[in-house]
N, C-alpha and C. Protein backbone atom coordinates (compact mmCIF):
# COMPACT_ATOMS: atom_id res chain seq x y z
N MET A 1 -117.76 94.09 117.91
CA MET A 1 -117.88 95.06 116.84
C MET A 1 -117.28 94.47 115.57
N SER A 2 -118.04 94.43 114.50
CA SER A 2 -117.52 93.88 113.26
C SER A 2 -117.09 95.01 112.33
N LYS A 3 -116.01 94.76 111.63
CA LYS A 3 -115.53 95.74 110.65
C LYS A 3 -115.97 95.26 109.28
N GLU A 4 -116.64 96.12 108.55
CA GLU A 4 -117.07 95.77 107.20
C GLU A 4 -115.99 96.14 106.20
N TYR A 5 -115.87 95.30 105.19
CA TYR A 5 -114.92 95.56 104.12
C TYR A 5 -115.63 96.38 103.06
N ASN A 6 -115.12 97.54 102.77
CA ASN A 6 -115.67 98.41 101.73
C ASN A 6 -114.58 98.70 100.72
N PRO A 7 -114.59 97.97 99.61
CA PRO A 7 -113.53 98.17 98.61
C PRO A 7 -113.63 99.53 97.93
N ASP A 8 -112.48 100.02 97.49
CA ASP A 8 -112.44 101.24 96.69
C ASP A 8 -112.71 100.84 95.25
N ILE A 9 -113.79 101.35 94.68
CA ILE A 9 -114.18 101.02 93.32
C ILE A 9 -113.79 102.18 92.40
N VAL A 10 -113.16 101.84 91.27
CA VAL A 10 -112.68 102.83 90.32
C VAL A 10 -113.30 102.51 88.96
N SER A 11 -113.84 103.52 88.30
CA SER A 11 -114.33 103.38 86.93
C SER A 11 -113.33 104.04 85.99
N VAL A 12 -112.98 103.32 84.94
CA VAL A 12 -112.04 103.82 83.95
C VAL A 12 -112.70 103.75 82.58
N ILE A 13 -112.60 104.83 81.84
CA ILE A 13 -113.13 104.86 80.49
C ILE A 13 -111.95 104.73 79.54
N ASP A 14 -112.00 103.70 78.69
CA ASP A 14 -110.88 103.45 77.79
C ASP A 14 -110.94 104.37 76.57
N GLU A 15 -109.96 104.21 75.69
CA GLU A 15 -109.85 105.08 74.51
C GLU A 15 -111.04 104.97 73.57
N GLU A 16 -111.77 103.86 73.66
CA GLU A 16 -112.94 103.65 72.81
C GLU A 16 -114.23 104.12 73.47
N GLY A 17 -114.12 104.69 74.68
CA GLY A 17 -115.28 105.20 75.39
C GLY A 17 -116.01 104.15 76.22
N LYS A 18 -115.46 102.95 76.33
CA LYS A 18 -116.09 101.88 77.11
C LYS A 18 -115.66 101.99 78.57
N GLU A 19 -116.64 101.86 79.47
CA GLU A 19 -116.35 101.96 80.91
C GLU A 19 -116.00 100.59 81.47
N HIS A 20 -114.95 100.56 82.30
CA HIS A 20 -114.51 99.35 82.99
C HIS A 20 -114.47 99.66 84.48
N THR A 21 -114.87 98.68 85.29
CA THR A 21 -114.91 98.86 86.73
C THR A 21 -113.86 97.97 87.38
N PHE A 22 -113.15 98.55 88.36
CA PHE A 22 -112.07 97.85 89.05
C PHE A 22 -112.16 98.08 90.55
N GLU A 23 -111.60 97.14 91.29
CA GLU A 23 -111.37 97.34 92.71
C GLU A 23 -109.92 97.78 92.86
N GLU A 24 -109.71 98.87 93.56
CA GLU A 24 -108.34 99.34 93.80
C GLU A 24 -107.75 98.52 94.93
N LEU A 25 -106.68 97.80 94.63
CA LEU A 25 -106.03 96.95 95.62
C LEU A 25 -104.99 97.69 96.44
N ASP A 26 -104.25 98.56 95.77
CA ASP A 26 -103.14 99.25 96.45
C ASP A 26 -102.70 100.41 95.59
N ARG A 27 -101.98 101.33 96.20
CA ARG A 27 -101.33 102.41 95.45
C ARG A 27 -99.97 102.66 96.07
N ILE A 28 -99.06 103.01 95.20
CA ILE A 28 -97.70 103.32 95.65
C ILE A 28 -97.20 104.56 94.93
N GLU A 29 -96.18 105.16 95.51
CA GLU A 29 -95.52 106.30 94.88
C GLU A 29 -94.03 106.04 94.91
N THR A 30 -93.39 106.23 93.76
CA THR A 30 -91.94 106.10 93.66
C THR A 30 -91.39 107.42 93.14
N ASP A 31 -90.09 107.47 92.93
CA ASP A 31 -89.51 108.68 92.37
C ASP A 31 -89.91 108.88 90.91
N LYS A 32 -90.48 107.86 90.28
CA LYS A 32 -90.91 107.96 88.88
C LYS A 32 -92.38 108.33 88.74
N GLY A 33 -93.15 108.21 89.83
CA GLY A 33 -94.56 108.57 89.74
C GLY A 33 -95.45 107.83 90.72
N LYS A 34 -96.75 108.00 90.52
CA LYS A 34 -97.77 107.34 91.35
C LYS A 34 -98.42 106.24 90.53
N TYR A 35 -98.73 105.12 91.20
CA TYR A 35 -99.26 103.96 90.51
C TYR A 35 -100.38 103.32 91.33
N VAL A 36 -101.29 102.63 90.62
CA VAL A 36 -102.36 101.90 91.30
C VAL A 36 -102.40 100.47 90.76
N ALA A 37 -102.75 99.54 91.64
CA ALA A 37 -102.98 98.15 91.25
C ALA A 37 -104.49 97.93 91.32
N LEU A 38 -105.05 97.46 90.21
CA LEU A 38 -106.50 97.30 90.10
C LEU A 38 -106.85 95.86 89.73
N LEU A 39 -107.99 95.41 90.24
CA LEU A 39 -108.52 94.10 89.92
C LEU A 39 -109.86 94.29 89.23
N PRO A 40 -110.03 93.73 88.03
CA PRO A 40 -111.30 93.92 87.31
C PRO A 40 -112.51 93.38 88.09
N ILE A 41 -113.62 94.09 87.98
CA ILE A 41 -114.89 93.65 88.53
C ILE A 41 -115.81 93.37 87.35
N PHE A 42 -116.47 92.23 87.38
CA PHE A 42 -117.32 91.83 86.27
C PHE A 42 -118.77 91.74 86.73
N ASP A 43 -119.68 92.14 85.84
CA ASP A 43 -121.10 92.01 86.11
C ASP A 43 -121.57 90.58 85.88
N ASP A 44 -120.93 89.91 84.95
CA ASP A 44 -121.31 88.56 84.54
C ASP A 44 -120.40 87.53 85.24
N ALA A 45 -121.00 86.55 85.89
CA ALA A 45 -120.24 85.53 86.61
C ALA A 45 -119.34 84.73 85.66
N ASP A 46 -119.79 84.51 84.42
CA ASP A 46 -118.97 83.76 83.46
C ASP A 46 -117.69 84.53 83.13
N GLU A 47 -117.79 85.84 82.99
CA GLU A 47 -116.60 86.66 82.73
C GLU A 47 -115.62 86.55 83.90
N GLN A 48 -116.15 86.54 85.11
CA GLN A 48 -115.32 86.41 86.32
C GLN A 48 -114.56 85.09 86.29
N LEU A 49 -115.23 84.02 85.92
CA LEU A 49 -114.60 82.71 85.88
C LEU A 49 -113.53 82.61 84.80
N GLU A 50 -113.74 83.32 83.69
CA GLU A 50 -112.80 83.27 82.57
C GLU A 50 -111.60 84.19 82.77
N ASP A 51 -111.67 85.12 83.73
CA ASP A 51 -110.59 86.08 83.94
C ASP A 51 -109.35 85.39 84.49
N SER A 52 -108.19 85.90 84.15
CA SER A 52 -106.92 85.33 84.59
C SER A 52 -106.63 85.57 86.06
N GLY A 53 -107.31 86.54 86.66
CA GLY A 53 -107.08 86.85 88.07
C GLY A 53 -105.89 87.75 88.32
N GLU A 54 -105.26 88.22 87.25
CA GLU A 54 -104.12 89.11 87.39
C GLU A 54 -104.58 90.53 87.62
N PHE A 55 -103.84 91.24 88.46
CA PHE A 55 -104.19 92.63 88.66
C PHE A 55 -103.54 93.49 87.58
N ILE A 56 -104.09 94.68 87.41
CA ILE A 56 -103.64 95.61 86.38
C ILE A 56 -102.94 96.77 87.06
N ILE A 57 -101.82 97.18 86.51
CA ILE A 57 -101.07 98.30 87.07
C ILE A 57 -101.15 99.47 86.10
N LEU A 58 -101.58 100.62 86.61
CA LEU A 58 -101.66 101.83 85.81
C LEU A 58 -100.94 102.97 86.51
N LYS A 59 -100.48 103.92 85.74
CA LYS A 59 -99.81 105.11 86.27
C LYS A 59 -100.86 106.20 86.46
N ALA A 60 -100.81 106.86 87.61
CA ALA A 60 -101.76 107.94 87.92
C ALA A 60 -101.08 109.29 87.73
N THR A 61 -101.73 110.15 86.97
CA THR A 61 -101.24 111.51 86.78
C THR A 61 -102.39 112.47 87.05
N GLU A 62 -102.04 113.68 87.42
CA GLU A 62 -103.08 114.68 87.70
C GLU A 62 -102.92 115.86 86.75
N GLU A 63 -104.06 116.30 86.24
CA GLU A 63 -104.12 117.48 85.38
C GLU A 63 -105.35 118.29 85.76
N ASN A 64 -105.14 119.54 86.08
CA ASN A 64 -106.25 120.44 86.42
C ASN A 64 -107.17 119.85 87.50
N GLY A 65 -106.58 119.22 88.50
CA GLY A 65 -107.35 118.66 89.61
C GLY A 65 -108.01 117.33 89.31
N GLU A 66 -107.85 116.81 88.12
CA GLU A 66 -108.43 115.52 87.73
C GLU A 66 -107.34 114.45 87.73
N THR A 67 -107.67 113.24 88.16
CA THR A 67 -106.73 112.13 88.13
C THR A 67 -106.98 111.29 86.89
N TYR A 68 -105.91 111.00 86.17
CA TYR A 68 -105.99 110.18 84.97
C TYR A 68 -105.12 108.95 85.16
N LEU A 69 -105.63 107.81 84.72
CA LEU A 69 -104.88 106.56 84.77
C LEU A 69 -104.49 106.17 83.36
N SER A 70 -103.22 105.77 83.21
CA SER A 70 -102.75 105.39 81.88
C SER A 70 -101.81 104.19 81.98
N ALA A 71 -101.66 103.50 80.85
CA ALA A 71 -100.74 102.37 80.77
C ALA A 71 -99.31 102.86 80.97
N ILE A 72 -98.49 101.99 81.51
CA ILE A 72 -97.08 102.30 81.69
C ILE A 72 -96.36 101.83 80.43
N GLU A 73 -95.84 102.76 79.66
CA GLU A 73 -95.24 102.46 78.37
C GLU A 73 -93.84 101.86 78.49
N ASP A 74 -93.08 102.29 79.48
CA ASP A 74 -91.70 101.83 79.65
C ASP A 74 -91.68 100.46 80.35
N GLU A 75 -91.12 99.46 79.68
CA GLU A 75 -91.12 98.09 80.22
C GLU A 75 -90.35 97.98 81.53
N ASP A 76 -89.20 98.67 81.64
CA ASP A 76 -88.42 98.62 82.87
C ASP A 76 -89.18 99.25 84.03
N GLU A 77 -89.83 100.36 83.77
CA GLU A 77 -90.64 101.03 84.80
C GLU A 77 -91.79 100.11 85.24
N PHE A 78 -92.46 99.48 84.26
CA PHE A 78 -93.57 98.57 84.57
C PHE A 78 -93.09 97.41 85.43
N ASN A 79 -91.97 96.80 85.06
CA ASN A 79 -91.43 95.66 85.81
C ASN A 79 -91.04 96.06 87.23
N GLU A 80 -90.42 97.22 87.37
CA GLU A 80 -90.01 97.71 88.68
C GLU A 80 -91.23 97.91 89.59
N VAL A 81 -92.25 98.55 89.07
CA VAL A 81 -93.46 98.81 89.85
C VAL A 81 -94.21 97.51 90.12
N GLY A 82 -94.21 96.60 89.14
CA GLY A 82 -94.86 95.30 89.32
C GLY A 82 -94.28 94.52 90.48
N VAL A 83 -92.96 94.53 90.59
CA VAL A 83 -92.29 93.84 91.70
C VAL A 83 -92.69 94.46 93.04
N LEU A 84 -92.75 95.79 93.08
CA LEU A 84 -93.14 96.46 94.32
C LEU A 84 -94.56 96.08 94.74
N PHE A 85 -95.49 96.09 93.80
CA PHE A 85 -96.86 95.69 94.12
C PHE A 85 -96.92 94.22 94.53
N GLU A 86 -96.20 93.38 93.83
CA GLU A 86 -96.23 91.95 94.14
C GLU A 86 -95.75 91.71 95.57
N GLU A 87 -94.69 92.39 95.96
CA GLU A 87 -94.18 92.25 97.33
C GLU A 87 -95.20 92.70 98.36
N ARG A 88 -95.93 93.77 98.05
CA ARG A 88 -96.92 94.30 98.99
C ARG A 88 -98.20 93.47 99.03
N LEU A 89 -98.55 92.84 97.91
CA LEU A 89 -99.82 92.12 97.82
C LEU A 89 -99.69 90.60 97.96
N ILE A 90 -98.49 90.13 98.24
CA ILE A 90 -98.25 88.69 98.28
C ILE A 90 -99.13 87.97 99.30
N ASP A 91 -99.49 88.65 100.37
CA ASP A 91 -100.34 88.03 101.39
C ASP A 91 -101.77 87.86 100.92
N LEU A 92 -102.21 88.67 99.96
CA LEU A 92 -103.58 88.58 99.47
C LEU A 92 -103.75 87.57 98.35
N PHE A 93 -102.69 87.33 97.58
CA PHE A 93 -102.78 86.49 96.39
C PHE A 93 -101.67 85.46 96.40
N GLU A 94 -101.94 84.35 95.73
CA GLU A 94 -100.91 83.33 95.54
C GLU A 94 -100.28 83.57 94.19
N PHE A 95 -98.99 83.86 94.18
CA PHE A 95 -98.29 84.11 92.93
C PHE A 95 -97.51 82.86 92.53
N GLU A 96 -97.56 82.54 91.24
CA GLU A 96 -96.76 81.44 90.71
C GLU A 96 -95.52 82.03 90.06
N GLU A 97 -94.39 81.38 90.30
CA GLU A 97 -93.18 81.79 89.62
C GLU A 97 -93.29 81.36 88.15
N ASP A 98 -92.68 82.10 87.24
CA ASP A 98 -92.71 81.75 85.82
C ASP A 98 -92.22 80.31 85.64
N GLY A 99 -93.02 79.53 84.91
CA GLY A 99 -92.61 78.17 84.63
C GLY A 99 -93.03 77.16 85.68
N GLU A 100 -93.47 77.60 86.83
CA GLU A 100 -93.89 76.68 87.89
C GLU A 100 -95.34 76.29 87.70
N GLU A 101 -95.63 75.04 88.00
CA GLU A 101 -97.01 74.58 87.98
C GLU A 101 -97.35 74.05 89.35
N GLU A 102 -98.60 74.22 89.73
CA GLU A 102 -99.02 73.72 91.05
C GLU A 102 -99.38 72.27 90.98
């Protein structure tokens, strides 16, 4: 029996009304809120090759039954959540330490 991989796809509309598509890698909840780690999906292969490969972290909030994703404004909060995601996703991605070259 084979298990198929079916990624969770998320569409986000930015402040300018442009739609962006992401694969949801993970979600976590802390005492400060709920967060998602997203990886951009590109229609164009050239865009995929030019991408840095870094995942995006957004804060999830709910209003009137709708989920909204927004940037994390507080740098300390962003760094704290980033470390948590990095620890959880380390098996999926190769992370370079700042200043290290392969």
